[in-house]
C-alpha atoms as a PDB file:
ATOM      1  CA  MET A   1      93.347 163.802 144.950  1.00  0.00           C
ATOM      2  CA  ALA A   2      92.638 163.756 148.815  1.00  0.00           C
ATOM      3  CA  PHE A   3      91.313 160.231 148.418  1.00  0.00           C
ATOM      4  CA  ARG A   4      94.423 159.054 146.682  1.00  0.00           C
ATOM      5  CA  ILE A   5      96.638 160.719 149.460  1.00  0.00           C
ATOM      6  CA  ARG A   6      94.508 159.018 152.204  1.00  0.00           C
ATOM      7  CA  ALA A   7      94.602 155.570 150.501  1.00  0.00           C
ATOM      8  CA  ASN A   8      98.409 155.909 150.116  1.00  0.00           C
ATOM      9  CA  ARG A   9      98.891 156.830 153.755  1.00  0.00           C
ATOM     10  CA  GLU A  10      96.962 153.800 154.802  1.00  0.00           C
ATOM     11  CA  SER A  11      98.692 151.606 152.399  1.00  0.00           C
ATOM     12  CA  ALA A  12     102.221 152.836 153.863  1.00  0.00           C
ATOM     13  CA  ALA A  13     101.083 152.069 157.224  1.00  0.00           C
ATOM     14  CA  LEU A  14     100.432 148.371 156.076  1.00  0.00           C
ATOM     15  CA  THR A  15     103.046 145.834 155.315  1.00  0.00           C
ATOM     16  CA  SER A  16     100.750 142.892 155.794  1.00  0.00           C
ATOM     17  CA  ALA A  17      97.229 143.212 157.319  1.00  0.00           C
ATOM     18  CA  SER A  18      97.494 139.578 158.627  1.00  0.00           C
ATOM     19  CA  LYS A  19     100.710 140.487 160.583  1.00  0.00           C
ATOM     20  CA  LEU A  20      99.288 143.768 161.767  1.00  0.00           C
ATOM     21  CA  VAL A  21      96.374 141.842 163.502  1.00  0.00           C
ATOM     22  CA  LYS A  22      98.651 139.419 165.014  1.00  0.00           C
ATOM     23  CA  ARG A  23     100.744 142.215 166.679  1.00  0.00           C
ATOM     24  CA  THR A  24      97.557 143.791 168.110  1.00  0.00           C
ATOM     25  CA  SER A  25      95.943 140.685 169.356  1.00  0.00           C
ATOM     26  CA  PRO A  26      98.068 139.524 172.292  1.00  0.00           C
ATOM     27  CA  MET A  27      95.762 137.185 173.957  1.00  0.00           C
ATOM     28  CA  SER A  28      96.415 133.426 173.364  1.00  0.00           C
ATOM     29  CA  SER A  29      94.065 131.282 171.443  1.00  0.00           C
ATOM     30  CA  SER A  30      92.850 129.533 174.356  1.00  0.00           C
ATOM     31  CA  GLN A  31      91.993 132.836 176.231  1.00  0.00           C
ATOM     32  CA  HIS A  32      90.176 134.034 173.126  1.00  0.00           C
ATOM     33  CA  ASP A  33      88.199 130.935 172.726  1.00  0.00           C
ATOM     34  CA  ALA A  34      87.119 131.099 176.520  1.00  0.00           C
ATOM     35  CA  GLU A  35      86.034 134.997 175.929  1.00  0.00           C
ATOM     36  CA  ILE A  36      84.148 133.769 172.846  1.00  0.00           C
ATOM     37  CA  LEU A  37      82.185 131.150 174.538  1.00  0.00           C
ATOM     38  CA  ASP A  38      81.550 133.409 177.558  1.00  0.00           C
ATOM     39  CA  GLN A  39      80.423 136.408 175.662  1.00  0.00           C
ATOM     40  CA  PHE A  40      78.307 134.813 173.160  1.00  0.00           C
ATOM     41  CA  THR A  41      76.619 132.319 175.150  1.00  0.00           C
ATOM     42  CA  ARG A  42      75.299 135.208 177.390  1.00  0.00           C
ATOM     43  CA  GLN A  43      74.640 137.458 174.132  1.00  0.00           C
ATOM     44  CA  ALA A  44      72.662 134.761 172.264  1.00  0.00           C
ATOM     45  CA  GLU A  45      69.457 135.979 173.323  1.00  0.00           C
ATOM     46  CA  PRO A  46      69.911 139.690 173.700  1.00  0.00           C
ATOM     47  CA  PHE A  47      71.534 139.764 170.277  1.00  0.00           C
ATOM     48  CA  ALA A  48      68.654 137.828 168.604  1.00  0.00           C
ATOM     49  CA  GLN A  49      66.105 140.256 170.250  1.00  0.00           C
ATOM     50  CA  ARG A  50      67.929 143.070 169.244  1.00  0.00           C
ATOM     51  CA  HIS A  51      68.609 142.480 165.587  1.00  0.00           C
ATOM     52  CA  GLY A  52      66.245 139.650 164.690  1.00  0.00           C
ATOM     53  CA  TYR A  53      62.763 141.280 164.912  1.00  0.00           C
ATOM     54  CA  GLN A  54      63.001 144.507 163.013  1.00  0.00           C
ATOM     55  CA  SER A  55      63.682 145.558 159.483  1.00  0.00           C
ATOM     56  CA  ASP A  56      67.455 146.232 158.729  1.00  0.00           C
ATOM     57  CA  PRO A  57      68.539 147.891 155.546  1.00  0.00           C
ATOM     58  CA  LEU A  58      72.164 146.593 156.216  1.00  0.00           C
ATOM     59  CA  LEU A  59      70.620 142.915 155.270  1.00  0.00           C
ATOM     60  CA  ASP A  60      69.227 144.364 152.075  1.00  0.00           C
ATOM     61  CA  LEU A  61      72.592 145.761 151.094  1.00  0.00           C
ATOM     62  CA  MET A  62      74.494 142.448 151.895  1.00  0.00           C
ATOM     63  CA  ALA A  63      71.809 140.598 149.612  1.00  0.00           C
ATOM     64  CA  ASP A  64      72.301 143.237 146.916  1.00  0.00           C
ATOM     65  CA  CYS A  65      76.211 142.603 147.043  1.00  0.00           C
ATOM     66  CA  ALA A  66      75.820 138.808 147.266  1.00  0.00           C
ATOM     67  CA  GLU A  67      73.680 138.457 144.241  1.00  0.00           C
ATOM     68  CA  VAL A  68      72.289 135.237 145.635  1.00  0.00           C
ATOM     69  CA  GLY A  69      69.761 133.085 143.453  1.00  0.00           C
ATOM     70  CA  SER A  70      66.851 130.754 144.165  1.00  0.00           C
ATOM     71  CA  GLY A  71      69.406 127.872 143.130  1.00  0.00           C
ATOM     72  CA  ASP A  72      72.316 128.860 145.183  1.00  0.00           C
ATOM     73  CA  THR A  73      73.631 127.457 148.264  1.00  0.00           C
ATOM     74  CA  VAL A  74      74.993 129.669 150.992  1.00  0.00           C
ATOM     75  CA  LEU A  75      77.328 129.281 153.943  1.00  0.00           C
ATOM     76  CA  ASP A  76      76.975 131.721 156.789  1.00  0.00           C
ATOM     77  CA  VAL A  77      80.283 131.784 158.779  1.00  0.00           C
ATOM     78  CA  ALA A  78      79.840 132.581 162.528  1.00  0.00           C
ATOM     79  CA  CYS A  79      76.149 132.647 162.163  1.00  0.00           C
ATOM     80  CA  GLY A  80      75.388 133.772 165.814  1.00  0.00           C
ATOM     81  CA  PRO A  81      71.610 133.441 166.411  1.00  0.00           C
ATOM     82  CA  GLY A  82      70.663 132.843 162.771  1.00  0.00           C
ATOM     83  CA  ILE A  83      69.537 136.190 161.651  1.00  0.00           C
ATOM     84  CA  ILE A  84      71.603 136.251 158.530  1.00  0.00           C
ATOM     85  CA  SER A  85      71.211 132.610 157.735  1.00  0.00           C
ATOM     86  CA  CYS A  86      67.266 132.839 157.779  1.00  0.00           C
ATOM     87  CA  PHE A  87      67.306 136.048 155.769  1.00  0.00           C
ATOM     88  CA  PHE A  88      69.383 134.447 152.974  1.00  0.00           C
ATOM     89  CA  ALA A  89      67.292 131.240 153.196  1.00  0.00           C
ATOM     90  CA  ARG A  90      64.407 133.147 151.784  1.00  0.00           C
ATOM     91  CA  ARG A  91      66.525 133.874 148.646  1.00  0.00           C
ATOM     92  CA  ALA A  92      68.545 130.746 148.418  1.00  0.00           C
ATOM     93  CA  ARG A  93      68.052 127.027 147.708  1.00  0.00           C
ATOM     94  CA  HIS A  94      69.815 125.983 150.965  1.00  0.00           C
ATOM     95  CA  VAL A  95      71.650 128.084 153.720  1.00  0.00           C
ATOM     96  CA  THR A  96      74.209 126.356 156.160  1.00  0.00           C
ATOM     97  CA  GLY A  97      75.159 128.266 159.397  1.00  0.00           C
ATOM     98  CA  ILE A  98      78.205 127.392 161.351  1.00  0.00           C
ATOM     99  CA  ASP A  99      79.302 128.838 164.699  1.00  0.00           C
ATOM    100  CA  VAL A 100      81.710 127.823 167.522  1.00  0.00           C
ATOM    101  CA  VAL A 101      79.122 128.688 170.461  1.00  0.00           C
ATOM    102  CA  PRO A 102      76.599 126.128 171.092  1.00  0.00           C
ATOM    103  CA  ALA A 103      74.069 128.586 172.613  1.00  0.00           C
ATOM    104  CA  MET A 104      74.152 130.613 169.402  1.00  0.00           C
ATOM    105  CA  LEU A 105      73.355 127.644 167.387  1.00  0.00           C
ATOM    106  CA  GLU A 106      70.513 126.732 169.773  1.00  0.00           C
ATOM    107  CA  ARG A 107      68.876 130.206 169.484  1.00  0.00           C
ATOM    108  CA  ALA A 108      69.326 129.841 165.787  1.00  0.00           C
ATOM    109  CA  ARG A 109      67.354 126.636 165.613  1.00  0.00           C
ATOM    110  CA  ARG A 110      64.552 128.565 167.461  1.00  0.00           C
ATOM    111  CA  TYR A 111      64.668 131.553 165.274  1.00  0.00           C
ATOM    112  CA  GLN A 112      64.405 129.242 162.240  1.00  0.00           C
ATOM    113  CA  ALA A 113      61.336 127.527 163.699  1.00  0.00           C
ATOM    114  CA  GLU A 114      59.831 131.019 164.351  1.00  0.00           C
ATOM    115  CA  GLN A 115      60.522 131.987 160.755  1.00  0.00           C
ATOM    116  CA  LEU A 116      58.735 128.692 159.488  1.00  0.00           C
ATOM    117  CA  LEU A 117      61.743 128.002 157.336  1.00  0.00           C
ATOM    118  CA  THR A 118      63.159 124.622 156.314  1.00  0.00           C
ATOM    119  CA  ASN A 119      66.074 124.977 153.966  1.00  0.00           C
ATOM    120  CA  LEU A 120      68.744 125.476 156.773  1.00  0.00           C
ATOM    121  CA  THR A 121      71.280 123.357 158.255  1.00  0.00           C
ATOM    122  CA  TRP A 122      73.366 124.125 161.479  1.00  0.00           C
ATOM    123  CA  GLN A 123      76.856 123.231 162.172  1.00  0.00           C
ATOM    124  CA  LEU A 124      79.170 123.502 165.158  1.00  0.00           C
ATOM    125  CA  GLY A 125      82.666 124.358 163.935  1.00  0.00           C
ATOM    126  CA  SER A 126      85.441 127.077 163.513  1.00  0.00           C
ATOM    127  CA  SER A 127      85.798 129.694 161.057  1.00  0.00           C
ATOM    128  CA  THR A 128      89.597 129.012 160.472  1.00  0.00           C
ATOM    129  CA  ASP A 129      89.004 125.256 159.899  1.00  0.00           C
ATOM    130  CA  LEU A 130      85.662 124.996 158.118  1.00  0.00           C
ATOM    131  CA  PRO A 131      84.533 121.217 158.045  1.00  0.00           C
ATOM    132  CA  PHE A 132      83.420 121.212 154.364  1.00  0.00           C
ATOM    133  CA  ARG A 133      85.121 120.119 151.067  1.00  0.00           C
ATOM    134  CA  GLU A 134      86.654 122.607 148.782  1.00  0.00           C
ATOM    135  CA  ALA A 135      84.194 124.335 146.355  1.00  0.00           C
ATOM    136  CA  THR A 136      81.059 123.496 148.059  1.00  0.00           C
ATOM    137  CA  PHE A 137      79.131 126.805 148.185  1.00  0.00           C
ATOM    138  CA  ASP A 138      77.834 129.312 145.799  1.00  0.00           C
ATOM    139  CA  CYS A 139      78.015 132.188 148.249  1.00  0.00           C
ATOM    140  CA  VAL A 140      80.077 132.328 151.686  1.00  0.00           C
ATOM    141  CA  ILE A 141      78.999 135.285 153.953  1.00  0.00           C
ATOM    142  CA  THR A 142      79.669 136.621 157.263  1.00  0.00           C
ATOM    143  CA  ARG A 143      78.528 139.651 159.281  1.00  0.00           C
ATOM    144  CA  PHE A 144      80.161 141.198 162.209  1.00  0.00           C
ATOM    145  CA  SER A 145      82.636 138.435 162.906  1.00  0.00           C
ATOM    146  CA  PHE A 146      85.955 139.405 161.548  1.00  0.00           C
ATOM    147  CA  HIS A 147      86.685 141.759 164.514  1.00  0.00           C
ATOM    148  CA  HIS A 148      86.535 138.810 166.711  1.00  0.00           C
ATOM    149  CA  PHE A 149      89.079 136.625 164.798  1.00  0.00           C
ATOM    150  CA  LEU A 150      92.521 136.067 165.914  1.00  0.00           C
ATOM    151  CA  GLN A 151      93.324 134.902 162.527  1.00  0.00           C
ATOM    152  CA  PRO A 152      91.152 136.972 159.954  1.00  0.00           C
ATOM    153  CA  ALA A 153      93.608 136.065 156.855  1.00  0.00           C
ATOM    154  CA  SER A 154      93.151 132.402 157.660  1.00  0.00           C
ATOM    155  CA  ALA A 155      89.264 132.837 158.079  1.00  0.00           C
ATOM    156  CA  LEU A 156      89.088 134.557 154.636  1.00  0.00           C
ATOM    157  CA  ARG A 157      91.215 131.869 153.074  1.00  0.00           C
ATOM    158  CA  GLU A 158      88.837 129.259 154.564  1.00  0.00           C
ATOM    159  CA  MET A 159      85.849 131.207 153.178  1.00  0.00           C
ATOM    160  CA  LYS A 160      87.645 131.026 149.659  1.00  0.00           C
ATOM    161  CA  ARG A 161      88.430 127.590 149.692  1.00  0.00           C
ATOM    162  CA  VAL A 162      84.721 126.295 150.317  1.00  0.00           C
ATOM    163  CA  ALA A 163      83.357 128.666 147.794  1.00  0.00           C
ATOM    164  CA  LYS A 164      82.930 127.272 144.176  1.00  0.00           C
ATOM    165  CA  PRO A 165      84.854 128.837 141.269  1.00  0.00           C
ATOM    166  CA  ASN A 166      83.356 132.165 140.499  1.00  0.00           C
ATOM    167  CA  GLY A 167      81.417 132.093 143.614  1.00  0.00           C
ATOM    168  CA  VAL A 168      80.956 135.121 146.006  1.00  0.00           C
ATOM    169  CA  VAL A 169      82.931 135.629 149.352  1.00  0.00           C
ATOM    170  CA  LEU A 170      81.262 138.239 151.330  1.00  0.00           C
ATOM    171  CA  VAL A 171      82.158 140.007 154.568  1.00  0.00           C
ATOM    172  CA  CYS A 172      80.447 142.646 156.342  1.00  0.00           C
ATOM    173  CA  ASP A 173      82.119 144.470 159.274  1.00  0.00           C
ATOM    174  CA  VAL A 174      82.767 147.687 161.127  1.00  0.00           C
ATOM    175  CA  VAL A 175      85.691 149.441 159.423  1.00  0.00           C
ATOM    176  CA  PRO A 176      87.138 152.371 161.502  1.00  0.00           C
ATOM    177  CA  SER A 177      89.255 154.921 159.834  1.00  0.00           C
ATOM    178  CA  LEU A 178      93.123 154.651 160.365  1.00  0.00           C
ATOM    179  CA  GLU A 179      93.481 157.598 162.904  1.00  0.00           C
ATOM    180  CA  PRO A 180      91.060 156.498 165.562  1.00  0.00           C
ATOM    181  CA  GLN A 181      91.664 152.686 164.955  1.00  0.00           C
ATOM    182  CA  ALA A 182      93.504 152.224 168.188  1.00  0.00           C
ATOM    183  CA  SER A 183      91.004 154.150 170.409  1.00  0.00           C
ATOM    184  CA  PHE A 184      88.133 152.289 168.606  1.00  0.00           C
ATOM    185  CA  ASN A 185      89.775 148.967 169.313  1.00  0.00           C
ATOM    186  CA  HIS A 186      90.354 149.899 172.894  1.00  0.00           C
ATOM    187  CA  TRP A 187      86.919 150.901 173.948  1.00  0.00           C
ATOM    188  CA  GLU A 188      85.331 147.982 172.009  1.00  0.00           C
ATOM    189  CA  ILE A 189      87.573 145.660 173.955  1.00  0.00           C
ATOM    190  CA  LEU A 190      86.313 147.118 177.080  1.00  0.00           C
ATOM    191  CA  ARG A 191      82.776 146.732 175.946  1.00  0.00           C
ATOM    192  CA  ASP A 192      83.153 143.068 174.568  1.00  0.00           C
ATOM    193  CA  PRO A 193      86.561 141.591 175.645  1.00  0.00           C
ATOM    194  CA  SER A 194      86.261 138.980 172.754  1.00  0.00           C
ATOM    195  CA  HIS A 195      86.909 141.673 170.422  1.00  0.00           C
ATOM    196  CA  THR A 196      90.155 141.579 168.797  1.00  0.00           C
ATOM    197  CA  HIS A 197      91.072 144.069 166.173  1.00  0.00           C
ATOM    198  CA  ALA A 198      88.738 145.930 163.815  1.00  0.00           C
ATOM    199  CA  LEU A 199      90.206 146.324 160.269  1.00  0.00           C
ATOM    200  CA  THR A 200      90.472 149.454 158.313  1.00  0.00           C
ATOM    201  CA  GLN A 201      89.099 149.414 154.726  1.00  0.00           C
ATOM    202  CA  ALA A 202      92.443 149.213 153.305  1.00  0.00           C
ATOM    203  CA  GLU A 203      93.277 146.341 155.532  1.00  0.00           C
ATOM    204  CA  PHE A 204      90.194 144.477 154.540  1.00  0.00           C
ATOM    205  CA  GLU A 205      91.241 145.160 150.895  1.00  0.00           C
ATOM    206  CA  LEU A 206      94.775 143.805 151.480  1.00  0.00           C
ATOM    207  CA  LEU A 207      93.347 140.722 153.045  1.00  0.00           C
ATOM    208  CA  GLY A 208      91.376 140.031 149.933  1.00  0.00           C
ATOM    209  CA  GLU A 209      94.327 140.647 147.621  1.00  0.00           C
ATOM    210  CA  GLU A 210      96.402 138.297 149.606  1.00  0.00           C
ATOM    211  CA  ALA A 211      93.796 135.553 149.693  1.00  0.00           C
ATOM    212  CA  GLY A 212      93.675 135.691 145.893  1.00  0.00           C
ATOM    213  CA  LEU A 213      90.077 137.154 145.765  1.00  0.00           C
ATOM    214  CA  ILE A 214      88.778 139.705 143.342  1.00  0.00           C
ATOM    215  CA  LEU A 215      87.001 142.594 144.843  1.00  0.00           C
ATOM    216  CA  GLN A 216      83.739 142.972 142.791  1.00  0.00           C
ATOM    217  CA  ARG A 217      81.853 145.688 145.222  1.00  0.00           C
ATOM    218  CA  ARG A 218      82.720 147.685 148.325  1.00  0.00           C
ATOM    219  CA  ALA A 219      79.424 149.221 149.783  1.00  0.00           C
ATOM    220  CA  PRO A 220      79.663 151.690 152.791  1.00  0.00           C
ATOM    221  CA  TYR A 221      76.994 151.746 155.556  1.00  0.00           C
ATOM    222  CA  ARG A 222      76.424 153.772 158.738  1.00  0.00           C
ATOM    223  CA  LYS A 223      74.630 152.253 161.663  1.00  0.00           C
ATOM    224  CA  GLU A 224      73.303 154.460 164.418  1.00  0.00           C
ATOM    225  CA  CYS A 225      72.557 153.334 167.926  1.00  0.00           C
ATOM    226  CA  ASP A 226      72.383 154.391 171.519  1.00  0.00           C
ATOM    227  CA  LEU A 227      75.338 153.757 173.640  1.00  0.00           C
ATOM    228  CA  GLU A 228      73.327 152.499 176.738  1.00  0.00           C
ATOM    229  CA  ASP A 229      71.257 150.170 174.345  1.00  0.00           C
ATOM    230  CA  LEU A 230      74.650 148.709 173.146  1.00  0.00           C
ATOM    231  CA  LEU A 231      75.920 148.370 176.559  1.00  0.00           C
ATOM    232  CA  ALA A 232      72.853 146.738 177.863  1.00  0.00           C
ATOM    233  CA  GLY A 233      73.319 143.924 175.167  1.00  0.00           C
ATOM    234  CA  SER A 234      76.971 143.546 176.095  1.00  0.00           C
ATOM    235  CA  PHE A 235      78.830 142.135 179.045  1.00  0.00           C
ATOM    236  CA  PRO A 236      81.824 144.026 179.931  1.00  0.00           C
ATOM    237  CA  LYS A 237      84.070 143.126 183.087  1.00  0.00           C
ATOM    238  CA  PRO A 238      83.293 144.934 186.208  1.00  0.00           C
ATOM    239  CA  GLY A 239      83.981 148.637 186.005  1.00  0.00           C
ATOM    240  CA  ASP A 240      84.514 148.793 182.219  1.00  0.00           C
ATOM    241  CA  ALA A 241      81.130 150.315 181.375  1.00  0.00           C
ATOM    242  CA  GLU A 242      81.963 153.319 183.473  1.00  0.00           C
ATOM    243  CA  ARG A 243      85.298 153.582 181.914  1.00  0.00           C
ATOM    244  CA  ILE A 244      83.644 153.401 178.352  1.00  0.00           C
ATOM    245  CA  ARG A 245      81.149 156.140 179.537  1.00  0.00           C
ATOM    246  CA  ALA A 246      84.005 158.231 180.768  1.00  0.00           C
ATOM    247  CA  LEU A 247      85.768 157.918 177.370  1.00  0.00           C
ATOM    248  CA  PHE A 248      82.722 159.132 175.356  1.00  0.00           C
ATOM    249  CA  ASP A 249      81.962 161.988 177.938  1.00  0.00           C
ATOM    250  CA  ALA A 250      85.512 163.093 177.247  1.00  0.00           C
ATOM    251  CA  ASP A 251      85.257 162.645 173.581  1.00  0.00           C
ATOM    252  CA  ILE A 252      82.057 164.626 173.299  1.00  0.00           C
ATOM    253  CA  LEU A 253      83.300 167.329 175.682  1.00  0.00           C
ATOM    254  CA  ALA A 254      86.332 167.644 173.370  1.00  0.00           C
ATOM    255  CA  HIS A 255      84.369 167.967 170.166  1.00  0.00           C
ATOM    256  CA  THR A 256      86.835 165.413 168.725  1.00  0.00           C
ATOM    257  CA  ASP A 257      86.005 161.934 167.071  1.00  0.00           C
ATOM    258  CA  THR A 258      89.030 160.140 168.729  1.00  0.00           C
ATOM    259  CA  LEU A 259      86.633 157.088 169.199  1.00  0.00           C
ATOM    260  CA  GLY A 260      85.933 156.584 165.700  1.00  0.00           C
ATOM    261  CA  VAL A 261      81.989 156.477 166.055  1.00  0.00           C
ATOM    262  CA  ALA A 262      81.025 160.437 165.751  1.00  0.00           C
ATOM    263  CA  ALA A 263      79.900 160.274 169.289  1.00  0.00           C
ATOM    264  CA  ARG A 264      77.332 163.160 170.293  1.00  0.00           C
ATOM    265  CA  ARG A 265      74.450 163.600 172.811  1.00  0.00           C
ATOM    266  CA  GLU A 266      70.813 163.725 171.469  1.00  0.00           C
ATOM    267  CA  ASN A 267      68.137 164.541 173.950  1.00  0.00           C
ATOM    268  CA  GLY A 268      70.426 163.594 176.760  1.00  0.00           C
ATOM    269  CA  ALA A 269      71.504 160.308 175.477  1.00  0.00           C
ATOM    270  CA  VAL A 270      74.933 159.364 173.940  1.00  0.00           C
ATOM    271  CA  ARG A 271      74.368 158.292 170.149  1.00  0.00           C
ATOM    272  CA  ILE A 272      77.115 156.616 167.998  1.00  0.00           C
ATOM    273  CA  THR A 273      77.324 155.932 164.369  1.00  0.00           C
ATOM    274  CA  TYR A 274      79.407 152.640 163.546  1.00  0.00           C
ATOM    275  CA  PRO A 275      81.215 152.875 160.235  1.00  0.00           C
ATOM    276  CA  ILE A 276      80.599 149.533 158.506  1.00  0.00           C
ATOM    277  CA  ALA A 277      81.285 148.232 154.890  1.00  0.00           C
ATOM    278  CA  VAL A 278      80.347 145.243 153.040  1.00  0.00           C
ATOM    279  CA  PHE A 279      83.106 143.516 150.851  1.00  0.00           C
ATOM    280  CA  ALA A 280      81.906 141.259 147.919  1.00  0.00           C
ATOM    281  CA  TRP A 281      84.819 139.344 146.358  1.00  0.00           C
ATOM    282  CA  ARG A 282      84.644 136.823 143.724  1.00  0.00           C
ATOM    283  CA  LYS A 283      86.842 133.596 143.647  1.00  0.00           C
ATOM    284  CA  PRO A 284      88.475 133.098 140.375  1.00  0.00           C
ATOM    285  CA  ALA A 285      86.999 130.658 137.904  1.00  0.00           C
END
């Protein structure tokens, strides 16, 4: 009953997830493109080093939800430095990674060479205007990208368009709960100005419904990290790192979770836990 009440409260707050995102993303497309290029050109190497050379149970969860087979073709949207693409390349016939940031694709090619993989292709392009024909891929995936999109509904529709009938469309991203959502987005924008709006679970599910996709599985996940490690791999604007630390100090002191990441101190360090979910939809046959 409590779950139903909470779900109804979230649904009542949403008339359309895509309209809500537009209201909370005031920057222009050109401004956003500039922030993406600036942030992820600088983040290409730190991101690859932080996430590419260690075991990650989240990747295993994504693979389990995607159910990719050895004969399948996969598209990795907003592929970044190629970590997800290379992971799935060990399971699929071929993987194509697409990203709008040239520096990310250059790092992805190097990462592929390090992994001794040959069944990958890299493509420069936009997530909302994918340069592929309809019904091209068996599985279309993306990780930690939707909170950077100005038009998440358009991105999901494009992922559906290029998926084959009965193919899988998979999105993995942070999913703050409704109450701390605004505060979560505020400090994340301070940390990374290319962040736009992190969707709740209900918003993601509504996006899938509006896109005409069938939800097959939703898998929760929680990722712990050290705040200072996170800031070290980010490039906030001058003074914003201190603003973030102050927000977390106040949140911990008040014993609240207004920032949405269960902030606490452990051995003198600020530890946080990101709420994450994997959504696996199927395109109707």
